[in-house]
Amino acid sequence: MRRAFEMTLRDVCKDLPPESLEKVKAKSFKDGVLTVSCRGIISGELTMRSANLLKGVNAALGRRVVLKLRFRAG
């Protein structure tokens, strides 16, 4: 799950500076919700891109497993 998210993050957010994405980490997965820890400023950007992130993660996993992404500043 984490690897699928990291690969998708790099692809969907390739236009963002790498140092902005270094602190973005998939933290937990429960009941179809993938919780992602990130800095506050990047949280808004990831929220705007959440549809593409969700689509990419599920494509990397080969089926629809993740139903929702939750971004937590931390």
C-alpha atoms as a PDB file:
ATOM      1  CA  MET A   1       0.000   0.000   0.000  1.00  0.00           C
ATOM      2  CA  ARG A   2       2.721   2.475   0.983  1.00  0.00           C
ATOM      3  CA  ARG A   3       4.793   1.672  -2.058  1.00  0.00           C
ATOM      4  CA  ALA A   4       1.792   2.105  -4.377  1.00  0.00           C
ATOM      5  CA  PHE A   5       1.080   5.495  -2.792  1.00  0.00           C
ATOM      6  CA  GLU A   6       4.718   6.650  -3.035  1.00  0.00           C
ATOM      7  CA  MET A   7       4.935   5.673  -6.705  1.00  0.00           C
ATOM      8  CA  THR A   8       1.660   7.439  -7.482  1.00  0.00           C
ATOM      9  CA  LEU A   9       2.675  10.524  -5.493  1.00  0.00           C
ATOM     10  CA  ARG A  10       5.887  10.868  -7.501  1.00  0.00           C
ATOM     11  CA  ASP A  11       3.951  10.529 -10.758  1.00  0.00           C
ATOM     12  CA  VAL A  12       0.959  12.776  -9.982  1.00  0.00           C
ATOM     13  CA  CYS A  13       3.031  15.442  -8.227  1.00  0.00           C
ATOM     14  CA  LYS A  14       6.133  15.420 -10.432  1.00  0.00           C
ATOM     15  CA  ASP A  15       5.770  19.167 -10.952  1.00  0.00           C
ATOM     16  CA  LEU A  16       6.254  19.873  -7.219  1.00  0.00           C
ATOM     17  CA  PRO A  17       9.700  20.257  -5.642  1.00  0.00           C
ATOM     18  CA  PRO A  18      11.020  16.912  -4.340  1.00  0.00           C
ATOM     19  CA  GLU A  19      11.785  18.425  -0.936  1.00  0.00           C
ATOM     20  CA  SER A  20       8.073  19.234  -0.553  1.00  0.00           C
ATOM     21  CA  LEU A  21       7.171  15.583  -1.018  1.00  0.00           C
ATOM     22  CA  GLU A  22       9.862  14.077   1.222  1.00  0.00           C
ATOM     23  CA  LYS A  23       7.696  14.370   4.351  1.00  0.00           C
ATOM     24  CA  VAL A  24       4.556  12.963   2.698  1.00  0.00           C
ATOM     25  CA  LYS A  25       3.996   9.430   4.007  1.00  0.00           C
ATOM     26  CA  ALA A  26       1.167   6.911   3.920  1.00  0.00           C
ATOM     27  CA  LYS A  27       0.606   6.171   7.614  1.00  0.00           C
ATOM     28  CA  SER A  28      -2.348   3.819   7.943  1.00  0.00           C
ATOM     29  CA  PHE A  29      -5.061   2.032   6.024  1.00  0.00           C
ATOM     30  CA  LYS A  30      -8.383   1.037   7.549  1.00  0.00           C
ATOM     31  CA  ASP A  31     -11.870   0.443   6.143  1.00  0.00           C
ATOM     32  CA  GLY A  32     -10.869   1.685   2.687  1.00  0.00           C
ATOM     33  CA  VAL A  33      -9.346   4.943   3.978  1.00  0.00           C
ATOM     34  CA  LEU A  34      -5.650   5.628   3.429  1.00  0.00           C
ATOM     35  CA  THR A  35      -4.383   8.214   5.911  1.00  0.00           C
ATOM     36  CA  VAL A  36      -1.468  10.308   4.704  1.00  0.00           C
ATOM     37  CA  SER A  37       0.769  12.464   6.891  1.00  0.00           C
ATOM     38  CA  CYS A  38       2.105  15.657   5.336  1.00  0.00           C
ATOM     39  CA  ARG A  39       2.988  19.271   6.025  1.00  0.00           C
ATOM     40  CA  GLY A  40       0.077  21.662   6.272  1.00  0.00           C
ATOM     41  CA  ILE A  41       0.921  23.651   3.165  1.00  0.00           C
ATOM     42  CA  ILE A  42       1.198  20.573   0.961  1.00  0.00           C
ATOM     43  CA  SER A  43      -2.017  19.107   2.384  1.00  0.00           C
ATOM     44  CA  GLY A  44      -4.147  21.540   0.382  1.00  0.00           C
ATOM     45  CA  GLU A  45      -2.297  20.748  -2.826  1.00  0.00           C
ATOM     46  CA  LEU A  46      -2.681  17.005  -2.304  1.00  0.00           C
ATOM     47  CA  THR A  47      -6.374  17.439  -1.539  1.00  0.00           C
ATOM     48  CA  MET A  48      -6.830  19.142  -4.910  1.00  0.00           C
ATOM     49  CA  ARG A  49      -5.044  16.229  -6.587  1.00  0.00           C
ATOM     50  CA  SER A  50      -6.748  13.526  -4.519  1.00  0.00           C
ATOM     51  CA  ALA A  51      -8.865  12.147  -7.390  1.00  0.00           C
ATOM     52  CA  ASN A  52      -5.758  11.443  -9.485  1.00  0.00           C
ATOM     53  CA  LEU A  53      -3.872  10.105  -6.464  1.00  0.00           C
ATOM     54  CA  LEU A  54      -6.736   7.758  -5.599  1.00  0.00           C
ATOM     55  CA  LYS A  55      -7.018   6.547  -9.181  1.00  0.00           C
ATOM     56  CA  GLY A  56      -3.249   5.963  -9.402  1.00  0.00           C
ATOM     57  CA  VAL A  57      -2.990   4.083  -6.107  1.00  0.00           C
ATOM     58  CA  ASN A  58      -5.811   1.743  -7.053  1.00  0.00           C
ATOM     59  CA  ALA A  59      -4.301   1.212 -10.517  1.00  0.00           C
ATOM     60  CA  ALA A  60      -0.951   0.338  -8.919  1.00  0.00           C
ATOM     61  CA  LEU A  61      -2.715  -2.147  -6.644  1.00  0.00           C
ATOM     62  CA  GLY A  62      -4.599  -3.672  -9.563  1.00  0.00           C
ATOM     63  CA  ARG A  63      -8.071  -3.157  -8.113  1.00  0.00           C
ATOM     64  CA  ARG A  64     -10.196  -0.673  -6.200  1.00  0.00           C
ATOM     65  CA  VAL A  65      -8.984  -1.040  -2.626  1.00  0.00           C
ATOM     66  CA  VAL A  66      -8.612   2.551  -1.454  1.00  0.00           C
ATOM     67  CA  LEU A  67     -11.944   4.370  -1.322  1.00  0.00           C
ATOM     68  CA  LYS A  68     -10.792   7.634   0.245  1.00  0.00           C
ATOM     69  CA  LEU A  69      -7.618   9.543   1.035  1.00  0.00           C
ATOM     70  CA  ARG A  70      -7.340  11.490   4.288  1.00  0.00           C
ATOM     71  CA  PHE A  71      -4.544  14.058   4.638  1.00  0.00           C
ATOM     72  CA  ARG A  72      -3.306  14.900   8.116  1.00  0.00           C
ATOM     73  CA  ALA A  73      -0.859  17.713   8.809  1.00  0.00           C
ATOM     74  CA  GLY A  74       1.915  16.444  10.985  1.00  0.00           C
END
